[in-house]
N, C-alpha and C. Protein backbone atom coordinates (compact mmCIF):
# COMPACT_ATOMS: atom_id res chain seq x y z
N MET A 1 -5.90 5.23 -12.03
CA MET A 1 -6.43 5.12 -10.69
C MET A 1 -5.45 5.81 -9.74
N SER A 2 -5.96 6.59 -8.85
CA SER A 2 -5.10 7.29 -7.89
C SER A 2 -4.58 6.32 -6.83
N ILE A 3 -3.56 6.74 -6.13
CA ILE A 3 -2.98 5.91 -5.09
C ILE A 3 -3.98 5.67 -3.96
N LYS A 4 -4.81 6.67 -3.69
CA LYS A 4 -5.82 6.51 -2.63
C LYS A 4 -6.89 5.50 -3.05
N SER A 5 -7.28 5.52 -4.32
CA SER A 5 -8.24 4.54 -4.83
C SER A 5 -7.66 3.13 -4.76
N SER A 6 -6.39 3.02 -5.12
CA SER A 6 -5.72 1.72 -5.04
C SER A 6 -5.73 1.21 -3.60
N TYR A 7 -5.42 2.10 -2.67
CA TYR A 7 -5.41 1.73 -1.25
C TYR A 7 -6.81 1.27 -0.81
N MET A 8 -7.82 1.99 -1.20
CA MET A 8 -9.19 1.63 -0.79
C MET A 8 -9.58 0.26 -1.36
N ASN A 9 -9.18 -0.04 -2.58
CA ASN A 9 -9.47 -1.35 -3.17
C ASN A 9 -8.72 -2.46 -2.44
N ILE A 10 -7.48 -2.22 -2.09
CA ILE A 10 -6.69 -3.21 -1.35
C ILE A 10 -7.34 -3.46 0.01
N MET A 11 -7.76 -2.39 0.68
CA MET A 11 -8.39 -2.54 2.00
C MET A 11 -9.71 -3.30 1.91
N ARG A 12 -10.47 -3.05 0.85
CA ARG A 12 -11.74 -3.78 0.67
C ARG A 12 -11.45 -5.27 0.49
N MET A 13 -10.49 -5.60 -0.36
CA MET A 13 -10.13 -7.01 -0.55
C MET A 13 -9.63 -7.63 0.76
N ASN A 14 -8.86 -6.85 1.50
CA ASN A 14 -8.29 -7.34 2.75
C ASN A 14 -9.36 -7.64 3.80
N SER A 15 -10.40 -6.84 3.81
CA SER A 15 -11.43 -7.03 4.85
C SER A 15 -12.62 -7.86 4.39
N GLU A 16 -12.91 -7.88 3.09
CA GLU A 16 -14.11 -8.58 2.62
C GLU A 16 -13.82 -9.88 1.86
N GLU A 17 -12.76 -9.91 1.10
CA GLU A 17 -12.53 -11.07 0.24
C GLU A 17 -11.56 -12.09 0.82
N ILE A 18 -10.45 -11.64 1.38
CA ILE A 18 -9.46 -12.58 1.92
C ILE A 18 -10.05 -13.46 3.02
N PRO A 19 -10.85 -12.90 3.94
CA PRO A 19 -11.43 -13.77 4.98
C PRO A 19 -12.39 -14.83 4.42
N CYS A 20 -12.90 -14.63 3.21
CA CYS A 20 -13.85 -15.58 2.63
C CYS A 20 -13.18 -16.67 1.80
N LEU A 21 -11.87 -16.62 1.67
CA LEU A 21 -11.17 -17.65 0.91
C LEU A 21 -11.30 -18.98 1.61
N PRO A 22 -11.33 -20.08 0.86
CA PRO A 22 -11.51 -21.39 1.47
C PRO A 22 -10.28 -21.86 2.24
N SER A 23 -10.47 -22.89 2.95
CA SER A 23 -9.43 -23.62 3.66
C SER A 23 -8.99 -22.91 4.93
N HIS A 24 -7.73 -22.50 5.01
CA HIS A 24 -7.18 -22.00 6.26
C HIS A 24 -7.21 -20.48 6.39
N PHE A 25 -7.86 -19.78 5.48
CA PHE A 25 -7.89 -18.33 5.54
C PHE A 25 -9.00 -17.86 6.47
N THR A 26 -8.64 -16.96 7.37
CA THR A 26 -9.60 -16.37 8.29
C THR A 26 -9.32 -14.88 8.37
N GLU A 27 -10.10 -14.17 9.16
CA GLU A 27 -9.88 -12.73 9.32
C GLU A 27 -8.51 -12.42 9.90
N THR A 28 -7.96 -13.36 10.65
CA THR A 28 -6.64 -13.12 11.24
C THR A 28 -5.52 -13.26 10.22
N GLN A 29 -5.83 -13.76 9.03
CA GLN A 29 -4.81 -13.92 8.00
C GLN A 29 -4.94 -12.85 6.93
N SER A 30 -5.33 -11.68 7.32
CA SER A 30 -5.40 -10.55 6.39
C SER A 30 -4.00 -10.00 6.18
N LEU A 31 -3.87 -9.12 5.20
CA LEU A 31 -2.58 -8.50 4.91
C LEU A 31 -2.17 -7.58 6.05
N ALA A 32 -0.90 -7.61 6.39
CA ALA A 32 -0.36 -6.70 7.41
C ALA A 32 -0.10 -5.34 6.77
N GLU A 33 0.07 -4.31 7.59
CA GLU A 33 0.31 -2.96 7.06
C GLU A 33 1.54 -2.90 6.16
N TYR A 34 2.62 -3.56 6.55
CA TYR A 34 3.83 -3.51 5.73
C TYR A 34 3.61 -4.19 4.37
N GLU A 35 2.74 -5.19 4.32
CA GLU A 35 2.43 -5.84 3.05
C GLU A 35 1.60 -4.92 2.16
N ILE A 36 0.71 -4.16 2.76
CA ILE A 36 -0.09 -3.19 2.01
C ILE A 36 0.81 -2.10 1.44
N VAL A 37 1.74 -1.61 2.24
CA VAL A 37 2.69 -0.60 1.77
C VAL A 37 3.51 -1.16 0.61
N ASP A 38 3.94 -2.39 0.74
CA ASP A 38 4.71 -3.05 -0.32
C ASP A 38 3.91 -3.10 -1.62
N ILE A 39 2.66 -3.47 -1.54
CA ILE A 39 1.79 -3.53 -2.72
C ILE A 39 1.65 -2.15 -3.34
N LEU A 40 1.44 -1.13 -2.51
CA LEU A 40 1.31 0.24 -3.02
C LEU A 40 2.57 0.70 -3.73
N LEU A 41 3.72 0.41 -3.13
CA LEU A 41 5.00 0.86 -3.71
C LEU A 41 5.30 0.19 -5.03
N TYR A 42 5.12 -1.10 -5.09
CA TYR A 42 5.52 -1.83 -6.28
C TYR A 42 4.39 -1.97 -7.30
N GLY A 43 3.20 -1.51 -6.94
CA GLY A 43 2.08 -1.58 -7.86
C GLY A 43 1.83 -0.29 -8.62
N THR A 44 2.60 0.74 -8.31
CA THR A 44 2.41 2.01 -9.01
C THR A 44 3.22 2.05 -10.29
N PRO A 45 2.72 2.72 -11.31
CA PRO A 45 3.43 2.79 -12.59
C PRO A 45 4.78 3.50 -12.47
N LYS A 46 5.70 3.15 -13.33
CA LYS A 46 7.03 3.78 -13.35
C LYS A 46 6.93 5.26 -13.66
N SER A 47 5.87 5.69 -14.33
CA SER A 47 5.71 7.11 -14.66
C SER A 47 5.49 7.95 -13.41
N TRP A 48 5.18 7.33 -12.29
CA TRP A 48 5.00 8.05 -11.03
C TRP A 48 6.28 8.04 -10.21
N ALA A 49 7.42 7.88 -10.84
CA ALA A 49 8.70 7.65 -10.15
C ALA A 49 9.23 8.86 -9.40
N SER A 50 8.65 10.05 -9.58
CA SER A 50 9.18 11.23 -8.88
C SER A 50 9.11 11.06 -7.36
N TRP A 51 8.10 10.41 -6.85
CA TRP A 51 8.01 10.20 -5.40
C TRP A 51 9.09 9.24 -4.93
N GLN A 52 9.52 8.30 -5.78
CA GLN A 52 10.61 7.39 -5.38
C GLN A 52 11.91 8.15 -5.19
N ARG A 53 12.22 9.04 -6.12
CA ARG A 53 13.42 9.86 -5.99
C ARG A 53 13.34 10.76 -4.76
N GLU A 54 12.17 11.32 -4.54
CA GLU A 54 11.98 12.22 -3.40
C GLU A 54 12.11 11.47 -2.08
N MET A 55 11.62 10.23 -2.01
CA MET A 55 11.77 9.42 -0.80
C MET A 55 13.25 9.21 -0.50
N ASP A 56 14.02 8.90 -1.55
CA ASP A 56 15.46 8.71 -1.37
C ASP A 56 16.13 9.99 -0.89
N CYS A 57 15.79 11.12 -1.51
CA CYS A 57 16.39 12.41 -1.15
C CYS A 57 16.09 12.80 0.30
N GLN A 58 14.86 12.54 0.74
CA GLN A 58 14.46 12.95 2.09
C GLN A 58 14.74 11.88 3.15
N GLY A 59 15.20 10.72 2.72
CA GLY A 59 15.46 9.65 3.68
C GLY A 59 14.19 9.05 4.26
N PHE A 60 13.12 9.12 3.50
CA PHE A 60 11.82 8.59 3.93
C PHE A 60 11.80 7.09 3.66
N ASP A 61 11.69 6.28 4.71
CA ASP A 61 11.64 4.84 4.57
C ASP A 61 10.18 4.39 4.63
N PRO A 62 9.58 4.07 3.48
CA PRO A 62 8.15 3.74 3.46
C PRO A 62 7.79 2.48 4.24
N LEU A 63 8.73 1.57 4.39
CA LEU A 63 8.42 0.33 5.10
C LEU A 63 8.36 0.49 6.62
N THR A 64 8.74 1.67 7.11
CA THR A 64 8.61 1.94 8.54
C THR A 64 7.44 2.88 8.82
N GLN A 65 6.67 3.19 7.79
CA GLN A 65 5.54 4.12 7.91
C GLN A 65 4.22 3.38 7.77
N THR A 66 3.14 4.03 8.16
CA THR A 66 1.81 3.46 7.97
C THR A 66 1.40 3.66 6.51
N PRO A 67 0.44 2.88 6.03
CA PRO A 67 -0.02 3.08 4.65
C PRO A 67 -0.50 4.52 4.39
N MET A 68 -1.18 5.13 5.35
CA MET A 68 -1.68 6.49 5.14
C MET A 68 -0.53 7.50 5.05
N GLN A 69 0.55 7.30 5.80
CA GLN A 69 1.70 8.19 5.71
C GLN A 69 2.37 8.06 4.34
N VAL A 70 2.45 6.85 3.83
CA VAL A 70 3.04 6.62 2.51
C VAL A 70 2.17 7.26 1.43
N ILE A 71 0.86 7.10 1.55
CA ILE A 71 -0.06 7.70 0.57
C ILE A 71 0.07 9.21 0.59
N ALA A 72 0.11 9.80 1.78
CA ALA A 72 0.24 11.26 1.89
C ALA A 72 1.53 11.72 1.23
N PHE A 73 2.62 11.01 1.43
CA PHE A 73 3.90 11.36 0.80
C PHE A 73 3.80 11.27 -0.71
N MET A 74 3.23 10.17 -1.19
CA MET A 74 3.13 9.96 -2.63
C MET A 74 2.24 10.99 -3.30
N GLU A 75 1.21 11.43 -2.62
CA GLU A 75 0.31 12.44 -3.19
C GLU A 75 0.96 13.80 -3.28
N GLN A 76 2.00 14.06 -2.48
CA GLN A 76 2.70 15.34 -2.54
C GLN A 76 3.56 15.47 -3.78
N TYR A 77 4.03 14.33 -4.33
CA TYR A 77 4.99 14.38 -5.43
C TYR A 77 4.49 13.72 -6.67
C-alpha cells in the first residue's frame, strides 16, 4: 500500500469511524495532524527507510510539517 493510500485510510477512519465510537468519543476527539504524521512515520515498513535517512540529511522535521508535506517528501525518496 502506498503512503498516500495509507493516509487516505487513516483520514477515513478519523472522520467516519472514530466519531462513532461509544462513550465519550465525538467528532472533536479525532486524531490531530501530528498524530496522523506519527502514524504515517512509524507505520511504514523498514524497507522504505531511504526517506528517513534523507529527512535527517536535509534537516526535515516531519513533526513540524502537515501530513501532506510529509507524504510529498516520502514520495520523493
